[in-house]
Amino acid sequence: MISSDSPYEVNDMYYGDVKKLADEFLEFAHSCFDDDEKILEGLIVSVYWKLCCDKFSSLAQIIDYLEYIGDFNDQLPYLRKWENTDFSPYLILGDWFCKNASKYLAS
């Protein structure tokens, strides 16, 4: 449930906007990548990289941070696979998401 001081009102319009964002994101992501799991993992990693790049100098540090704060516990074993791979092609997912999410989720 969203708190009363949230700019979002949880209603059909809000969920409709979230669905539009998800549909547009998946259309964009599938134009670049064909593996849904890698798209999700790439989005998680790339958004955290984009948001935290001034705090962390490596992908391993971001994943350690996610483990520390308890976010994405189910995905951590999969995210650990990214530590030794080139995830730079997936950075476009985070860029797209950060750029376009506010179009649907901003108050």
C-alpha atoms as a PDB file:
ATOM      1  CA  MET A   1       0.000   0.000   0.000  1.00  0.00           C
ATOM      2  CA  ILE A   2       1.228   3.476  -0.824  1.00  0.00           C
ATOM      3  CA  SER A   3       1.456   5.943   2.047  1.00  0.00           C
ATOM      4  CA  SER A   4      -0.843   8.949   2.220  1.00  0.00           C
ATOM      5  CA  ASP A   5       2.023  11.348   1.472  1.00  0.00           C
ATOM      6  CA  SER A   6       2.816   9.553  -1.789  1.00  0.00           C
ATOM      7  CA  PRO A   7       2.214  11.464  -5.030  1.00  0.00           C
ATOM      8  CA  TYR A   8       0.694   8.267  -6.483  1.00  0.00           C
ATOM      9  CA  GLU A   9      -2.896   7.273  -6.204  1.00  0.00           C
ATOM     10  CA  VAL A  10      -3.258   3.531  -6.552  1.00  0.00           C
ATOM     11  CA  ASN A  11      -6.130   3.098  -8.964  1.00  0.00           C
ATOM     12  CA  ASP A  12      -6.844   1.674 -12.389  1.00  0.00           C
ATOM     13  CA  MET A  13      -5.166   4.630 -14.086  1.00  0.00           C
ATOM     14  CA  TYR A  14      -1.933   4.092 -12.142  1.00  0.00           C
ATOM     15  CA  TYR A  15      -1.857   0.387 -12.968  1.00  0.00           C
ATOM     16  CA  GLY A  16      -2.672   1.209 -16.573  1.00  0.00           C
ATOM     17  CA  ASP A  17       0.359   3.520 -16.672  1.00  0.00           C
ATOM     18  CA  VAL A  18       2.565   0.828 -15.145  1.00  0.00           C
ATOM     19  CA  LYS A  19       1.339  -1.630 -17.786  1.00  0.00           C
ATOM     20  CA  LYS A  20       2.080   0.875 -20.580  1.00  0.00           C
ATOM     21  CA  LEU A  21       5.594   1.369 -19.199  1.00  0.00           C
ATOM     22  CA  ALA A  22       6.163  -2.387 -18.966  1.00  0.00           C
ATOM     23  CA  ASP A  23       4.824  -2.984 -22.475  1.00  0.00           C
ATOM     24  CA  GLU A  24       7.000  -0.233 -23.975  1.00  0.00           C
ATOM     25  CA  PHE A  25      10.039  -1.418 -22.057  1.00  0.00           C
ATOM     26  CA  LEU A  26       9.590  -5.024 -23.173  1.00  0.00           C
ATOM     27  CA  GLU A  27       9.091  -3.941 -26.780  1.00  0.00           C
ATOM     28  CA  PHE A  28      12.317  -1.935 -26.613  1.00  0.00           C
ATOM     29  CA  ALA A  29      14.233  -4.643 -24.747  1.00  0.00           C
ATOM     30  CA  HIS A  30      13.139  -7.395 -27.124  1.00  0.00           C
ATOM     31  CA  SER A  31      14.367  -5.317 -30.051  1.00  0.00           C
ATOM     32  CA  CYS A  32      17.861  -5.620 -28.535  1.00  0.00           C
ATOM     33  CA  PHE A  33      17.877  -8.890 -26.571  1.00  0.00           C
ATOM     34  CA  ASP A  34      16.001 -12.164 -26.856  1.00  0.00           C
ATOM     35  CA  ASP A  35      16.368 -13.653 -23.387  1.00  0.00           C
ATOM     36  CA  ASP A  36      13.752 -12.488 -20.863  1.00  0.00           C
ATOM     37  CA  GLU A  37      15.828 -13.518 -17.842  1.00  0.00           C
ATOM     38  CA  LYS A  38      18.843 -11.597 -19.087  1.00  0.00           C
ATOM     39  CA  ILE A  39      16.615  -8.599 -19.798  1.00  0.00           C
ATOM     40  CA  LEU A  40      15.379  -8.570 -16.186  1.00  0.00           C
ATOM     41  CA  GLU A  41      18.829  -9.192 -14.733  1.00  0.00           C
ATOM     42  CA  GLY A  42      20.349  -6.617 -17.074  1.00  0.00           C
ATOM     43  CA  LEU A  43      17.748  -4.050 -16.071  1.00  0.00           C
ATOM     44  CA  ILE A  44      18.365  -4.578 -12.359  1.00  0.00           C
ATOM     45  CA  VAL A  45      22.139  -4.356 -12.740  1.00  0.00           C
ATOM     46  CA  SER A  46      22.114  -1.434 -15.157  1.00  0.00           C
ATOM     47  CA  VAL A  47      19.677   0.699 -13.138  1.00  0.00           C
ATOM     48  CA  TYR A  48      21.708   0.192  -9.976  1.00  0.00           C
ATOM     49  CA  TRP A  49      24.888   0.916 -11.949  1.00  0.00           C
ATOM     50  CA  LYS A  50      23.369   4.118 -13.306  1.00  0.00           C
ATOM     51  CA  LEU A  51      22.056   5.235  -9.924  1.00  0.00           C
ATOM     52  CA  CYS A  52      25.083   4.188  -7.846  1.00  0.00           C
ATOM     53  CA  CYS A  53      28.069   4.590 -10.178  1.00  0.00           C
ATOM     54  CA  ASP A  54      29.386   7.471  -8.094  1.00  0.00           C
ATOM     55  CA  LYS A  55      29.375   5.226  -4.984  1.00  0.00           C
ATOM     56  CA  PHE A  56      30.762   2.009  -6.440  1.00  0.00           C
ATOM     57  CA  SER A  57      33.671   1.283  -8.724  1.00  0.00           C
ATOM     58  CA  SER A  58      32.659  -2.208  -9.809  1.00  0.00           C
ATOM     59  CA  LEU A  59      29.695  -4.370 -10.520  1.00  0.00           C
ATOM     60  CA  ALA A  60      30.776  -6.733  -7.730  1.00  0.00           C
ATOM     61  CA  GLN A  61      30.421  -3.870  -5.234  1.00  0.00           C
ATOM     62  CA  ILE A  62      26.886  -3.138  -6.438  1.00  0.00           C
ATOM     63  CA  ILE A  63      25.902  -6.789  -6.091  1.00  0.00           C
ATOM     64  CA  ASP A  64      27.497  -6.940  -2.630  1.00  0.00           C
ATOM     65  CA  TYR A  65      25.470  -3.849  -1.715  1.00  0.00           C
ATOM     66  CA  LEU A  66      22.222  -5.434  -2.954  1.00  0.00           C
ATOM     67  CA  GLU A  67      23.007  -8.476  -0.850  1.00  0.00           C
ATOM     68  CA  TYR A  68      23.746  -6.284   2.181  1.00  0.00           C
ATOM     69  CA  ILE A  69      20.464  -4.364   1.947  1.00  0.00           C
ATOM     70  CA  GLY A  70      18.478  -7.513   1.201  1.00  0.00           C
ATOM     71  CA  ASP A  71      17.112  -6.427  -2.169  1.00  0.00           C
ATOM     72  CA  PHE A  72      16.680  -8.966  -4.934  1.00  0.00           C
ATOM     73  CA  ASN A  73      17.674 -11.922  -2.747  1.00  0.00           C
ATOM     74  CA  ASP A  74      16.045 -14.338  -5.171  1.00  0.00           C
ATOM     75  CA  GLN A  75      17.982 -12.838  -8.074  1.00  0.00           C
ATOM     76  CA  LEU A  76      21.376 -12.572  -6.349  1.00  0.00           C
ATOM     77  CA  PRO A  77      22.691 -15.944  -7.575  1.00  0.00           C
ATOM     78  CA  TYR A  78      21.829 -14.877 -11.116  1.00  0.00           C
ATOM     79  CA  LEU A  79      23.263 -11.380 -10.672  1.00  0.00           C
ATOM     80  CA  ARG A  80      26.511 -12.886  -9.404  1.00  0.00           C
ATOM     81  CA  LYS A  81      26.940 -14.381 -12.896  1.00  0.00           C
ATOM     82  CA  TRP A  82      27.250 -10.818 -14.192  1.00  0.00           C
ATOM     83  CA  GLU A  83      30.314 -10.031 -12.077  1.00  0.00           C
ATOM     84  CA  ASN A  84      32.719 -11.544 -14.602  1.00  0.00           C
ATOM     85  CA  THR A  85      30.915 -10.702 -17.823  1.00  0.00           C
ATOM     86  CA  ASP A  86      30.640  -7.655 -20.008  1.00  0.00           C
ATOM     87  CA  PHE A  87      27.290  -6.192 -19.086  1.00  0.00           C
ATOM     88  CA  SER A  88      27.879  -2.944 -20.952  1.00  0.00           C
ATOM     89  CA  PRO A  89      25.413  -3.835 -23.747  1.00  0.00           C
ATOM     90  CA  TYR A  90      22.713  -3.994 -21.071  1.00  0.00           C
ATOM     91  CA  LEU A  91      23.389  -0.474 -19.854  1.00  0.00           C
ATOM     92  CA  ILE A  92      21.030   0.719 -22.575  1.00  0.00           C
ATOM     93  CA  LEU A  93      18.205  -0.980 -20.648  1.00  0.00           C
ATOM     94  CA  GLY A  94      18.888   1.108 -17.563  1.00  0.00           C
ATOM     95  CA  ASP A  95      19.256   4.261 -19.632  1.00  0.00           C
ATOM     96  CA  TRP A  96      15.946   3.632 -21.395  1.00  0.00           C
ATOM     97  CA  PHE A  97      14.142   2.761 -18.167  1.00  0.00           C
ATOM     98  CA  CYS A  98      15.419   5.771 -16.196  1.00  0.00           C
ATOM     99  CA  LYS A  99      14.622   8.103 -19.086  1.00  0.00           C
ATOM    100  CA  ASN A 100      11.115   6.777 -19.750  1.00  0.00           C
ATOM    101  CA  ALA A 101       9.825   5.693 -16.341  1.00  0.00           C
ATOM    102  CA  SER A 102       9.155   9.263 -15.250  1.00  0.00           C
ATOM    103  CA  LYS A 103       6.861   9.711 -18.260  1.00  0.00           C
ATOM    104  CA  TYR A 104       4.469   7.205 -16.685  1.00  0.00           C
ATOM    105  CA  LEU A 105       5.285   7.242 -12.993  1.00  0.00           C
ATOM    106  CA  ALA A 106       5.853  10.940 -12.278  1.00  0.00           C
ATOM    107  CA  SER A 107       3.195  12.716 -10.330  1.00  0.00           C
END
